[in-house]
Amino acid sequence: MNETVTISKREYDDLKRFEKVDKELLQDIAHGIKDILEGKIKEI
C-alpha cells in the first residue's frame, strides 16, 4: 500500500536539489577511492 504526503513546492525543490548534490558527492567519493586503489594518489 502506497502512502502519500503533501509538501510545499519549496520543500520539494529543496529535496530534489539535495538529491542531486548527494549523487554528485557519491560519484566524487567513488572516483577518489578508485584513484587510491589504482595508486594515482601520492601521500604527502
Protein backbone atom coordinates (compact mmCIF):
# COMPACT_ATOMS: atom_id res chain seq x y z
CA MET A 1 0.00 0.00 0.00
CA ASN A 2 1.45 3.38 -1.02
CA GLU A 3 1.10 6.39 1.19
CA THR A 4 1.11 9.97 0.02
CA VAL A 5 2.20 13.14 1.74
CA THR A 6 1.73 16.78 0.87
CA ILE A 7 4.70 19.15 0.98
CA SER A 8 5.25 22.66 -0.26
CA LYS A 9 6.77 23.31 -3.69
CA ARG A 10 9.78 24.90 -1.97
CA GLU A 11 10.39 21.83 0.17
CA TYR A 12 10.05 19.59 -2.89
CA ASP A 13 12.58 21.72 -4.81
CA ASP A 14 14.98 21.59 -1.84
CA LEU A 15 14.72 17.80 -1.67
CA LYS A 16 15.40 17.44 -5.41
CA ARG A 17 18.44 19.74 -5.09
CA PHE A 18 19.77 17.73 -2.13
CA GLU A 19 19.28 14.51 -4.10
CA LYS A 20 21.41 15.90 -6.93
CA VAL A 21 24.15 17.01 -4.52
CA ASP A 22 24.14 13.59 -2.82
CA LYS A 23 24.56 11.78 -6.13
CA GLU A 24 27.41 14.07 -7.19
CA LEU A 25 29.12 13.61 -3.82
CA LEU A 26 28.87 9.81 -4.04
CA GLN A 27 30.33 9.89 -7.56
CA ASP A 28 33.25 12.04 -6.37
CA ILE A 29 33.92 9.69 -3.46
CA ALA A 30 33.78 6.65 -5.76
CA HIS A 31 36.24 8.28 -8.18
CA GLY A 32 38.54 9.14 -5.27
CA ILE A 33 38.51 5.56 -3.99
CA LYS A 34 39.21 4.28 -7.49
CA ASP A 35 42.19 6.67 -7.78
CA ILE A 36 43.55 5.49 -4.44
CA LEU A 37 43.20 1.82 -5.41
CA GLU A 38 44.94 2.47 -8.73
CA GLY A 39 47.80 4.28 -6.99
CA LYS A 40 47.06 7.65 -8.57
CA ILE A 41 47.19 9.44 -5.21
CA LYS A 42 50.52 10.32 -3.64
CA GLU A 43 50.94 10.51 0.13
CA ILE A 44 52.13 13.90 1.31
